[in-house]
Amino acid sequence: MLRAVMDRPMGYQDKFGNIYPINYGYIPGLLGGDGEEQDVYIISKQVTTPLERFEGELAAIIHRTDDVEDKWVLTSAGEKVTEQTIIDCTQFIEQYFNSWIELL
């Protein structure tokens, strides 16, 4: 199980006007490709409200080909997500990047 902290909970609006329809955060103490803590999207049918923390399983990795970091997708224990669900849920940000999804 991985523990994540949300710094952009569901409903958050960033400085570019993007509104986060899902919770977004990071894994404390685990560095990603940009030298900062590993970023994660939370995609789960069981999560319908903004969160401060989340504990779940790594379901997929979004590999960005035009950025220095990948994004991880966490979901609730035992839950499966499809590639299409990941695309639909992350399109609000991932539309700005070239990427591919590795389901785990």
PDB file of N, CA and C in Angstrom:
ATOM      1  N   MET A   1       0.839  -1.188   0.000  1.00  0.00           N
ATOM      2  CA  MET A   1       0.000   0.000   0.000  1.00  0.00           C
ATOM      3  C   MET A   1       0.883   1.251   0.000  1.00  0.00           C
ATOM      4  N   LEU A   2       0.454   2.225  -0.732  1.00  0.00           N
ATOM      5  CA  LEU A   2       1.160   3.502  -0.799  1.00  0.00           C
ATOM      6  C   LEU A   2       0.312   4.578  -0.125  1.00  0.00           C
ATOM      7  N   ARG A   3       0.979   5.468   0.572  1.00  0.00           N
ATOM      8  CA  ARG A   3       0.291   6.565   1.248  1.00  0.00           C
ATOM      9  C   ARG A   3       0.597   7.865   0.517  1.00  0.00           C
ATOM     10  N   ALA A   4      -0.456   8.596   0.192  1.00  0.00           N
ATOM     11  CA  ALA A   4      -0.312   9.856  -0.531  1.00  0.00           C
ATOM     12  C   ALA A   4      -0.919  11.003   0.272  1.00  0.00           C
ATOM     13  N   VAL A   5      -0.352  12.174   0.068  1.00  0.00           N
ATOM     14  CA  VAL A   5      -0.854  13.408   0.649  1.00  0.00           C
ATOM     15  C   VAL A   5      -1.374  14.265  -0.508  1.00  0.00           C
ATOM     16  N   MET A   6      -2.564  14.830  -0.344  1.00  0.00           N
ATOM     17  CA  MET A   6      -3.148  15.642  -1.407  1.00  0.00           C
ATOM     18  C   MET A   6      -2.730  17.104  -1.247  1.00  0.00           C
ATOM     19  N   ASP A   7      -2.153  17.665  -2.300  1.00  0.00           N
ATOM     20  CA  ASP A   7      -1.896  19.100  -2.306  1.00  0.00           C
ATOM     21  C   ASP A   7      -2.826  19.816  -3.286  1.00  0.00           C
ATOM     22  N   ARG A   8      -3.550  19.024  -4.068  1.00  0.00           N
ATOM     23  CA  ARG A   8      -4.566  19.566  -4.978  1.00  0.00           C
ATOM     24  C   ARG A   8      -5.791  18.654  -4.896  1.00  0.00           C
ATOM     25  N   PRO A   9      -6.603  18.852  -3.872  1.00  0.00           N
ATOM     26  CA  PRO A   9      -7.774  17.989  -3.719  1.00  0.00           C
ATOM     27  C   PRO A   9      -8.822  18.254  -4.805  1.00  0.00           C
ATOM     28  N   MET A  10      -9.705  17.317  -4.961  1.00  0.00           N
ATOM     29  CA  MET A  10     -10.811  17.431  -5.910  1.00  0.00           C
ATOM     30  C   MET A  10     -11.463  18.810  -5.762  1.00  0.00           C
ATOM     31  N   GLY A  11     -11.624  19.520  -6.898  1.00  0.00           N
ATOM     32  CA  GLY A  11     -12.221  20.852  -6.885  1.00  0.00           C
ATOM     33  C   GLY A  11     -11.207  21.984  -6.874  1.00  0.00           C
ATOM     34  N   TYR A  12      -9.931  21.658  -6.648  1.00  0.00           N
ATOM     35  CA  TYR A  12      -8.862  22.662  -6.620  1.00  0.00           C
ATOM     36  C   TYR A  12      -8.734  23.331  -7.983  1.00  0.00           C
ATOM     37  N   GLN A  13      -8.499  24.636  -7.994  1.00  0.00           N
ATOM     38  CA  GLN A  13      -8.251  25.362  -9.240  1.00  0.00           C
ATOM     39  C   GLN A  13      -6.829  25.900  -9.219  1.00  0.00           C
ATOM     40  N   ASP A  14      -6.045  25.557 -10.250  1.00  0.00           N
ATOM     41  CA  ASP A  14      -4.659  26.016 -10.303  1.00  0.00           C
ATOM     42  C   ASP A  14      -4.566  27.401 -10.944  1.00  0.00           C
ATOM     43  N   LYS A  15      -3.360  27.936 -11.016  1.00  0.00           N
ATOM     44  CA  LYS A  15      -3.157  29.300 -11.522  1.00  0.00           C
ATOM     45  C   LYS A  15      -3.469  29.448 -13.009  1.00  0.00           C
ATOM     46  N   PHE A  16      -3.603  28.324 -13.717  1.00  0.00           N
ATOM     47  CA  PHE A  16      -3.939  28.347 -15.141  1.00  0.00           C
ATOM     48  C   PHE A  16      -5.442  28.191 -15.373  1.00  0.00           C
ATOM     49  N   GLY A  17      -6.210  28.031 -14.287  1.00  0.00           N
ATOM     50  CA  GLY A  17      -7.655  27.873 -14.392  1.00  0.00           C
ATOM     51  C   GLY A  17      -8.127  26.433 -14.490  1.00  0.00           C
ATOM     52  N   ASN A  18      -7.199  25.474 -14.450  1.00  0.00           N
ATOM     53  CA  ASN A  18      -7.590  24.058 -14.486  1.00  0.00           C
ATOM     54  C   ASN A  18      -8.238  23.682 -13.158  1.00  0.00           C
ATOM     55  N   ILE A  19      -9.411  23.068 -13.229  1.00  0.00           N
ATOM     56  CA  ILE A  19     -10.097  22.594 -12.027  1.00  0.00           C
ATOM     57  C   ILE A  19      -9.918  21.085 -11.957  1.00  0.00           C
ATOM     58  N   TYR A  20      -9.444  20.612 -10.822  1.00  0.00           N
ATOM     59  CA  TYR A  20      -9.123  19.200 -10.638  1.00  0.00           C
ATOM     60  C   TYR A  20     -10.386  18.401 -10.303  1.00  0.00           C
ATOM     61  N   PRO A  21     -10.833  17.519 -11.220  1.00  0.00           N
ATOM     62  CA  PRO A  21     -12.025  16.709 -10.959  1.00  0.00           C
ATOM     63  C   PRO A  21     -11.733  15.487 -10.086  1.00  0.00           C
ATOM     64  N   ILE A  22     -10.441  15.232  -9.854  1.00  0.00           N
ATOM     65  CA  ILE A  22     -10.007  14.118  -9.004  1.00  0.00           C
ATOM     66  C   ILE A  22      -8.954  14.650  -8.029  1.00  0.00           C
ATOM     67  N   ASN A  23      -8.666  13.869  -7.010  1.00  0.00           N
ATOM     68  CA  ASN A  23      -7.638  14.241  -6.049  1.00  0.00           C
ATOM     69  C   ASN A  23      -6.262  14.004  -6.655  1.00  0.00           C
ATOM     70  N   TYR A  24      -5.323  14.909  -6.341  1.00  0.00           N
ATOM     71  CA  TYR A  24      -3.973  14.867  -6.882  1.00  0.00           C
ATOM     72  C   TYR A  24      -3.022  15.192  -5.742  1.00  0.00           C
ATOM     73  N   GLY A  25      -1.959  14.418  -5.654  1.00  0.00           N
ATOM     74  CA  GLY A  25      -1.023  14.666  -4.567  1.00  0.00           C
ATOM     75  C   GLY A  25       0.326  14.055  -4.844  1.00  0.00           C
ATOM     76  N   TYR A  26       0.967  13.592  -3.775  1.00  0.00           N
ATOM     77  CA  TYR A  26       2.328  13.063  -3.892  1.00  0.00           C
ATOM     78  C   TYR A  26       2.579  12.011  -2.826  1.00  0.00           C
ATOM     79  N   ILE A  27       3.624  11.215  -3.064  1.00  0.00           N
ATOM     80  CA  ILE A  27       4.073  10.203  -2.109  1.00  0.00           C
ATOM     81  C   ILE A  27       5.205  10.824  -1.285  1.00  0.00           C
ATOM     82  N   PRO A  28       4.980  11.091  -0.006  1.00  0.00           N
ATOM     83  CA  PRO A  28       6.033  11.704   0.805  1.00  0.00           C
ATOM     84  C   PRO A  28       7.302  10.845   0.842  1.00  0.00           C
ATOM     85  N   GLY A  29       8.439  11.498   0.628  1.00  0.00           N
ATOM     86  CA  GLY A  29       9.729  10.822   0.728  1.00  0.00           C
ATOM     87  C   GLY A  29      10.171  10.048  -0.495  1.00  0.00           C
ATOM     88  N   LEU A  30       9.326   9.946  -1.523  1.00  0.00           N
ATOM     89  CA  LEU A  30       9.679   9.226  -2.744  1.00  0.00           C
ATOM     90  C   LEU A  30       9.866  10.246  -3.863  1.00  0.00           C
ATOM     91  N   LEU A  31      11.100  10.382  -4.356  1.00  0.00           N
ATOM     92  CA  LEU A  31      11.383  11.390  -5.366  1.00  0.00           C
ATOM     93  C   LEU A  31      11.038  10.915  -6.769  1.00  0.00           C
ATOM     94  N   GLY A  32      10.458  11.826  -7.538  1.00  0.00           N
ATOM     95  CA  GLY A  32      10.133  11.568  -8.928  1.00  0.00           C
ATOM     96  C   GLY A  32      11.208  12.113  -9.848  1.00  0.00           C
ATOM     97  N   GLY A  33      10.955  12.084 -11.137  1.00  0.00           N
ATOM     98  CA  GLY A  33      11.928  12.492 -12.142  1.00  0.00           C
ATOM     99  C   GLY A  33      12.315  13.951 -12.104  1.00  0.00           C
ATOM    100  N   ASP A  34      11.485  14.783 -11.483  1.00  0.00           N
ATOM    101  CA  ASP A  34      11.788  16.211 -11.405  1.00  0.00           C
ATOM    102  C   ASP A  34      12.550  16.586 -10.133  1.00  0.00           C
ATOM    103  N   GLY A  35      12.901  15.567  -9.331  1.00  0.00           N
ATOM    104  CA  GLY A  35      13.626  15.819  -8.090  1.00  0.00           C
ATOM    105  C   GLY A  35      12.732  16.178  -6.919  1.00  0.00           C
ATOM    106  N   GLU A  36      11.438  16.243  -7.155  1.00  0.00           N
ATOM    107  CA  GLU A  36      10.464  16.491  -6.090  1.00  0.00           C
ATOM    108  C   GLU A  36       9.702  15.195  -5.829  1.00  0.00           C
ATOM    109  N   GLU A  37       8.858  15.209  -4.821  1.00  0.00           N
ATOM    110  CA  GLU A  37       8.151  13.973  -4.470  1.00  0.00           C
ATOM    111  C   GLU A  37       7.238  13.508  -5.601  1.00  0.00           C
ATOM    112  N   GLN A  38       7.121  12.173  -5.725  1.00  0.00           N
ATOM    113  CA  GLN A  38       6.386  11.547  -6.819  1.00  0.00           C
ATOM    114  C   GLN A  38       4.916  11.963  -6.813  1.00  0.00           C
ATOM    115  N   ASP A  39       4.460  12.510  -7.935  1.00  0.00           N
ATOM    116  CA  ASP A  39       3.075  12.940  -8.080  1.00  0.00           C
ATOM    117  C   ASP A  39       2.157  11.760  -8.362  1.00  0.00           C
ATOM    118  N   VAL A  40       0.927  11.858  -7.834  1.00  0.00           N
ATOM    119  CA  VAL A  40      -0.057  10.792  -8.039  1.00  0.00           C
ATOM    120  C   VAL A  40      -1.449  11.372  -8.298  1.00  0.00           C
ATOM    121  N   TYR A  41      -2.151  10.713  -9.187  1.00  0.00           N
ATOM    122  CA  TYR A  41      -3.580  10.931  -9.367  1.00  0.00           C
ATOM    123  C   TYR A  41      -4.298   9.851  -8.562  1.00  0.00           C
ATOM    124  N   ILE A  42      -5.413  10.198  -7.929  1.00  0.00           N
ATOM    125  CA  ILE A  42      -6.231   9.217  -7.219  1.00  0.00           C
ATOM    126  C   ILE A  42      -7.470   8.973  -8.069  1.00  0.00           C
ATOM    127  N   ILE A  43      -7.612   7.742  -8.553  1.00  0.00           N
ATOM    128  CA  ILE A  43      -8.773   7.377  -9.362  1.00  0.00           C
ATOM    129  C   ILE A  43      -9.419   6.163  -8.715  1.00  0.00           C
ATOM    130  N   SER A  44     -10.609   6.371  -8.168  1.00  0.00           N
ATOM    131  CA  SER A  44     -11.307   5.290  -7.473  1.00  0.00           C
ATOM    132  C   SER A  44     -12.796   5.599  -7.424  1.00  0.00           C
ATOM    133  N   LYS A  45     -13.607   4.598  -7.687  1.00  0.00           N
ATOM    134  CA  LYS A  45     -15.065   4.761  -7.569  1.00  0.00           C
ATOM    135  C   LYS A  45     -15.465   5.013  -6.123  1.00  0.00           C
ATOM    136  N   GLN A  46     -14.601   4.632  -5.196  1.00  0.00           N
ATOM    137  CA  GLN A  46     -14.894   4.798  -3.771  1.00  0.00           C
ATOM    138  C   GLN A  46     -14.577   6.206  -3.266  1.00  0.00           C
ATOM    139  N   VAL A  47     -13.926   7.021  -4.080  1.00  0.00           N
ATOM    140  CA  VAL A  47     -13.531   8.367  -3.665  1.00  0.00           C
ATOM    141  C   VAL A  47     -14.349   9.389  -4.453  1.00  0.00           C
ATOM    142  N   THR A  48     -15.226  10.081  -3.753  1.00  0.00           N
ATOM    143  CA  THR A  48     -16.102  11.053  -4.410  1.00  0.00           C
ATOM    144  C   THR A  48     -16.031  12.431  -3.760  1.00  0.00           C
ATOM    145  N   THR A  49     -15.089  12.630  -2.829  1.00  0.00           N
ATOM    146  CA  THR A  49     -14.950  13.897  -2.129  1.00  0.00           C
ATOM    147  C   THR A  49     -13.475  14.301  -2.076  1.00  0.00           C
ATOM    148  N   PRO A  50     -13.209  15.566  -1.817  1.00  0.00           N
ATOM    149  CA  PRO A  50     -11.819  16.002  -1.650  1.00  0.00           C
ATOM    150  C   PRO A  50     -11.178  15.300  -0.457  1.00  0.00           C
ATOM    151  N   LEU A  51      -9.914  14.932  -0.615  1.00  0.00           N
ATOM    152  CA  LEU A  51      -9.181  14.213   0.427  1.00  0.00           C
ATOM    153  C   LEU A  51      -7.969  15.001   0.889  1.00  0.00           C
ATOM    154  N   GLU A  52      -7.532  14.701   2.102  1.00  0.00           N
ATOM    155  CA  GLU A  52      -6.250  15.204   2.593  1.00  0.00           C
ATOM    156  C   GLU A  52      -5.181  14.137   2.430  1.00  0.00           C
ATOM    157  N   ARG A  53      -5.575  12.867   2.599  1.00  0.00           N
ATOM    158  CA  ARG A  53      -4.655  11.728   2.503  1.00  0.00           C
ATOM    159  C   ARG A  53      -5.384  10.569   1.831  1.00  0.00           C
ATOM    160  N   PHE A  54      -4.579   9.656   1.280  1.00  0.00           N
ATOM    161  CA  PHE A  54      -5.150   8.470   0.633  1.00  0.00           C
ATOM    162  C   PHE A  54      -4.161   7.330   0.762  1.00  0.00           C
ATOM    163  N   GLU A  55      -4.672   6.147   0.993  1.00  0.00           N
ATOM    164  CA  GLU A  55      -3.844   4.943   1.011  1.00  0.00           C
ATOM    165  C   GLU A  55      -4.423   3.978  -0.010  1.00  0.00           C
ATOM    166  N   GLY A  56      -3.585   3.563  -0.950  1.00  0.00           N
ATOM    167  CA  GLY A  56      -4.081   2.684  -1.994  1.00  0.00           C
ATOM    168  C   GLY A  56      -2.960   1.983  -2.743  1.00  0.00           C
ATOM    169  N   GLU A  57      -3.349   1.397  -3.858  1.00  0.00           N
ATOM    170  CA  GLU A  57      -2.435   0.598  -4.667  1.00  0.00           C
ATOM    171  C   GLU A  57      -2.086   1.323  -5.959  1.00  0.00           C
ATOM    172  N   LEU A  58      -0.878   1.075  -6.435  1.00  0.00           N
ATOM    173  CA  LEU A  58      -0.444   1.616  -7.720  1.00  0.00           C
ATOM    174  C   LEU A  58      -1.134   0.830  -8.832  1.00  0.00           C
ATOM    175  N   ALA A  59      -1.925   1.526  -9.635  1.00  0.00           N
ATOM    176  CA  ALA A  59      -2.689   0.881 -10.700  1.00  0.00           C
ATOM    177  C   ALA A  59      -2.074   1.096 -12.074  1.00  0.00           C
ATOM    178  N   ALA A  60      -1.380   2.229 -12.241  1.00  0.00           N
ATOM    179  CA  ALA A  60      -0.824   2.555 -13.560  1.00  0.00           C
ATOM    180  C   ALA A  60       0.219   3.659 -13.416  1.00  0.00           C
ATOM    181  N   ILE A  61       1.012   3.788 -14.469  1.00  0.00           N
ATOM    182  CA  ILE A  61       1.963   4.885 -14.582  1.00  0.00           C
ATOM    183  C   ILE A  61       1.691   5.594 -15.906  1.00  0.00           C
ATOM    184  N   ILE A  62       1.567   6.896 -15.836  1.00  0.00           N
ATOM    185  CA  ILE A  62       1.433   7.699 -17.043  1.00  0.00           C
ATOM    186  C   ILE A  62       2.839   8.184 -17.382  1.00  0.00           C
ATOM    187  N   HIS A  63       3.376   7.659 -18.458  1.00  0.00           N
ATOM    188  CA  HIS A  63       4.728   8.007 -18.904  1.00  0.00           C
ATOM    189  C   HIS A  63       4.639   9.199 -19.846  1.00  0.00           C
ATOM    190  N   ARG A  64       5.193  10.302 -19.439  1.00  0.00           N
ATOM    191  CA  ARG A  64       5.219  11.494 -20.286  1.00  0.00           C
ATOM    192  C   ARG A  64       6.491  11.476 -21.132  1.00  0.00           C
ATOM    193  N   THR A  65       6.330  11.585 -22.440  1.00  0.00           N
ATOM    194  CA  THR A  65       7.484  11.558 -23.336  1.00  0.00           C
ATOM    195  C   THR A  65       8.080  12.938 -23.549  1.00  0.00           C
ATOM    196  N   ASP A  66       7.378  13.975 -23.123  1.00  0.00           N
ATOM    197  CA  ASP A  66       7.865  15.338 -23.305  1.00  0.00           C
ATOM    198  C   ASP A  66       7.995  16.088 -21.979  1.00  0.00           C
ATOM    199  N   ASP A  67       8.272  15.347 -20.915  1.00  0.00           N
ATOM    200  CA  ASP A  67       8.436  15.927 -19.588  1.00  0.00           C
ATOM    201  C   ASP A  67       9.451  15.076 -18.823  1.00  0.00           C
ATOM    202  N   VAL A  68       9.983  15.588 -17.734  1.00  0.00           N
ATOM    203  CA  VAL A  68      11.007  14.857 -16.976  1.00  0.00           C
ATOM    204  C   VAL A  68      10.424  13.903 -15.942  1.00  0.00           C
ATOM    205  N   GLU A  69       9.105  13.924 -15.783  1.00  0.00           N
ATOM    206  CA  GLU A  69       8.521  13.079 -14.753  1.00  0.00           C
ATOM    207  C   GLU A  69       7.318  12.297 -15.272  1.00  0.00           C
ATOM    208  N   ASP A  70       7.085  11.168 -14.638  1.00  0.00           N
ATOM    209  CA  ASP A  70       5.889  10.367 -14.884  1.00  0.00           C
ATOM    210  C   ASP A  70       4.900  10.644 -13.768  1.00  0.00           C
ATOM    211  N   LYS A  71       3.649  10.350 -14.008  1.00  0.00           N
ATOM    212  CA  LYS A  71       2.604  10.480 -12.989  1.00  0.00           C
ATOM    213  C   LYS A  71       2.102   9.087 -12.648  1.00  0.00           C
ATOM    214  N   TRP A  72       1.905   8.834 -11.379  1.00  0.00           N
ATOM    215  CA  TRP A  72       1.370   7.555 -10.938  1.00  0.00           C
ATOM    216  C   TRP A  72      -0.128   7.667 -10.729  1.00  0.00           C
ATOM    217  N   VAL A  73      -0.817   6.546 -10.899  1.00  0.00           N
ATOM    218  CA  VAL A  73      -2.252   6.465 -10.638  1.00  0.00           C
ATOM    219  C   VAL A  73      -2.463   5.487  -9.492  1.00  0.00           C
ATOM    220  N   LEU A  74      -3.050   5.996  -8.412  1.00  0.00           N
ATOM    221  CA  LEU A  74      -3.393   5.131  -7.281  1.00  0.00           C
ATOM    222  C   LEU A  74      -4.889   4.890  -7.267  1.00  0.00           C
ATOM    223  N   THR A  75      -5.269   3.710  -6.793  1.00  0.00           N
ATOM    224  CA  THR A  75      -6.674   3.365  -6.653  1.00  0.00           C
ATOM    225  C   THR A  75      -6.867   2.623  -5.336  1.00  0.00           C
ATOM    226  N   SER A  76      -8.100   2.437  -4.951  1.00  0.00           N
ATOM    227  CA  SER A  76      -8.405   1.717  -3.719  1.00  0.00           C
ATOM    228  C   SER A  76      -7.979   0.261  -3.842  1.00  0.00           C
ATOM    229  N   ALA A  77      -7.643  -0.337  -2.722  1.00  0.00           N
ATOM    230  CA  ALA A  77      -7.167  -1.731  -2.697  1.00  0.00           C
ATOM    231  C   ALA A  77      -8.142  -2.649  -3.422  1.00  0.00           C
ATOM    232  N   GLY A  78      -7.610  -3.437  -4.352  1.00  0.00           N
ATOM    233  CA  GLY A  78      -8.407  -4.419  -5.073  1.00  0.00           C
ATOM    234  C   GLY A  78      -9.220  -3.870  -6.230  1.00  0.00           C
ATOM    235  N   GLU A  79      -9.252  -2.565  -6.396  1.00  0.00           N
ATOM    236  CA  GLU A  79     -10.030  -1.952  -7.471  1.00  0.00           C
ATOM    237  C   GLU A  79      -9.212  -1.926  -8.761  1.00  0.00           C
ATOM    238  N   LYS A  80      -9.844  -2.175  -9.872  1.00  0.00           N
ATOM    239  CA  LYS A  80      -9.198  -2.115 -11.183  1.00  0.00           C
ATOM    240  C   LYS A  80      -9.715  -0.891 -11.932  1.00  0.00           C
ATOM    241  N   VAL A  81      -8.814  -0.227 -12.634  1.00  0.00           N
ATOM    242  CA  VAL A  81      -9.208   0.886 -13.493  1.00  0.00           C
ATOM    243  C   VAL A  81      -8.749   0.583 -14.908  1.00  0.00           C
ATOM    244  N   THR A  82      -9.503   1.071 -15.869  1.00  0.00           N
ATOM    245  CA  THR A  82      -9.164   0.840 -17.264  1.00  0.00           C
ATOM    246  C   THR A  82      -8.345   2.008 -17.804  1.00  0.00           C
ATOM    247  N   GLU A  83      -7.675   1.765 -18.899  1.00  0.00           N
ATOM    248  CA  GLU A  83      -6.917   2.826 -19.556  1.00  0.00           C
ATOM    249  C   GLU A  83      -7.844   3.978 -19.937  1.00  0.00           C
ATOM    250  N   GLN A  84      -9.033   3.654 -20.418  1.00  0.00           N
ATOM    251  CA  GLN A  84      -9.971   4.707 -20.820  1.00  0.00           C
ATOM    252  C   GLN A  84     -10.420   5.544 -19.622  1.00  0.00           C
ATOM    253  N   THR A  85     -10.635   4.911 -18.490  1.00  0.00           N
ATOM    254  CA  THR A  85     -11.003   5.658 -17.284  1.00  0.00           C
ATOM    255  C   THR A  85      -9.885   6.613 -16.890  1.00  0.00           C
ATOM    256  N   ILE A  86      -8.649   6.146 -16.961  1.00  0.00           N
ATOM    257  CA  ILE A  86      -7.510   6.994 -16.637  1.00  0.00           C
ATOM    258  C   ILE A  86      -7.435   8.175 -17.603  1.00  0.00           C
ATOM    259  N   ILE A  87      -7.601   7.918 -18.878  1.00  0.00           N
ATOM    260  CA  ILE A  87      -7.591   8.991 -19.875  1.00  0.00           C
ATOM    261  C   ILE A  87      -8.682  10.009 -19.564  1.00  0.00           C
ATOM    262  N   ASP A  88      -9.890   9.520 -19.313  1.00  0.00           N
ATOM    263  CA  ASP A  88     -11.017  10.411 -19.035  1.00  0.00           C
ATOM    264  C   ASP A  88     -10.787  11.253 -17.778  1.00  0.00           C
ATOM    265  N   CYS A  89     -10.248  10.653 -16.746  1.00  0.00           N
ATOM    266  CA  CYS A  89     -10.071  11.338 -15.459  1.00  0.00           C
ATOM    267  C   CYS A  89      -8.894  12.308 -15.436  1.00  0.00           C
ATOM    268  N   THR A  90      -7.890  12.089 -16.270  1.00  0.00           N
ATOM    269  CA  THR A  90      -6.682  12.924 -16.234  1.00  0.00           C
ATOM    270  C   THR A  90      -6.557  13.868 -17.422  1.00  0.00           C
ATOM    271  N   GLN A  91      -7.501  13.819 -18.322  1.00  0.00           N
ATOM    272  CA  GLN A  91      -7.452  14.635 -19.545  1.00  0.00           C
ATOM    273  C   GLN A  91      -7.316  16.123 -19.250  1.00  0.00           C
ATOM    274  N   PHE A  92      -7.862  16.577 -18.129  1.00  0.00           N
ATOM    275  CA  PHE A  92      -7.838  18.004 -17.789  1.00  0.00           C
ATOM    276  C   PHE A  92      -6.413  18.557 -17.702  1.00  0.00           C
ATOM    277  N   ILE A  93      -5.433  17.710 -17.385  1.00  0.00           N
ATOM    278  CA  ILE A  93      -4.026  18.121 -17.351  1.00  0.00           C
ATOM    279  C   ILE A  93      -3.205  17.402 -18.426  1.00  0.00           C
ATOM    280  N   GLU A  94      -3.425  16.121 -18.571  1.00  0.00           N
ATOM    281  CA  GLU A  94      -2.605  15.333 -19.494  1.00  0.00           C
ATOM    282  C   GLU A  94      -2.781  15.740 -20.950  1.00  0.00           C
ATOM    283  N   GLN A  95      -3.833  16.496 -21.263  1.00  0.00           N
ATOM    284  CA  GLN A  95      -4.022  16.980 -22.637  1.00  0.00           C
ATOM    285  C   GLN A  95      -2.866  17.869 -23.096  1.00  0.00           C
ATOM    286  N   TYR A  96      -2.120  18.410 -22.162  1.00  0.00           N
ATOM    287  CA  TYR A  96      -1.005  19.300 -22.486  1.00  0.00           C
ATOM    288  C   TYR A  96       0.312  18.564 -22.705  1.00  0.00           C
ATOM    289  N   PHE A  97       0.293  17.236 -22.558  1.00  0.00           N
ATOM    290  CA  PHE A  97       1.517  16.436 -22.648  1.00  0.00           C
ATOM    291  C   PHE A  97       1.319  15.267 -23.599  1.00  0.00           C
ATOM    292  N   ASN A  98       2.426  14.757 -24.151  1.00  0.00           N
ATOM    293  CA  ASN A  98       2.410  13.514 -24.908  1.00  0.00           C
ATOM    294  C   ASN A  98       2.742  12.420 -23.921  1.00  0.00           C
ATOM    295  N   SER A  99       1.895  11.418 -23.838  1.00  0.00           N
ATOM    296  CA  SER A  99       2.112  10.374 -22.848  1.00  0.00           C
ATOM    297  C   SER A  99       1.478   9.059 -23.273  1.00  0.00           C
ATOM    298  N   TRP A 100       1.858   8.031 -22.553  1.00  0.00           N
ATOM    299  CA  TRP A 100       1.233   6.721 -22.732  1.00  0.00           C
ATOM    300  C   TRP A 100       1.054   6.101 -21.355  1.00  0.00           C
ATOM    301  N   ILE A 101       0.087   5.197 -21.252  1.00  0.00           N
ATOM    302  CA  ILE A 101      -0.302   4.631 -19.964  1.00  0.00           C
ATOM    303  C   ILE A 101       0.144   3.190 -19.862  1.00  0.00           C
ATOM    304  N   GLU A 102       0.817   2.875 -18.767  1.00  0.00           N
ATOM    305  CA  GLU A 102       1.209   1.510 -18.455  1.00  0.00           C
ATOM    306  C   GLU A 102       0.333   1.014 -17.311  1.00  0.00           C
ATOM    307  N   LEU A 103      -0.578   0.091 -17.622  1.00  0.00           N
ATOM    308  CA  LEU A 103      -1.405  -0.524 -16.576  1.00  0.00           C
ATOM    309  C   LEU A 103      -0.598  -1.547 -15.827  1.00  0.00           C
ATOM    310  N   LEU A 104      -0.740  -1.613 -14.520  1.00  0.00           N
ATOM    311  CA  LEU A 104       0.023  -2.554 -13.701  1.00  0.00           C
ATOM    312  C   LEU A 104      -0.870  -3.651 -13.149  1.00  0.00           C
TER     313      LEU A 104
END
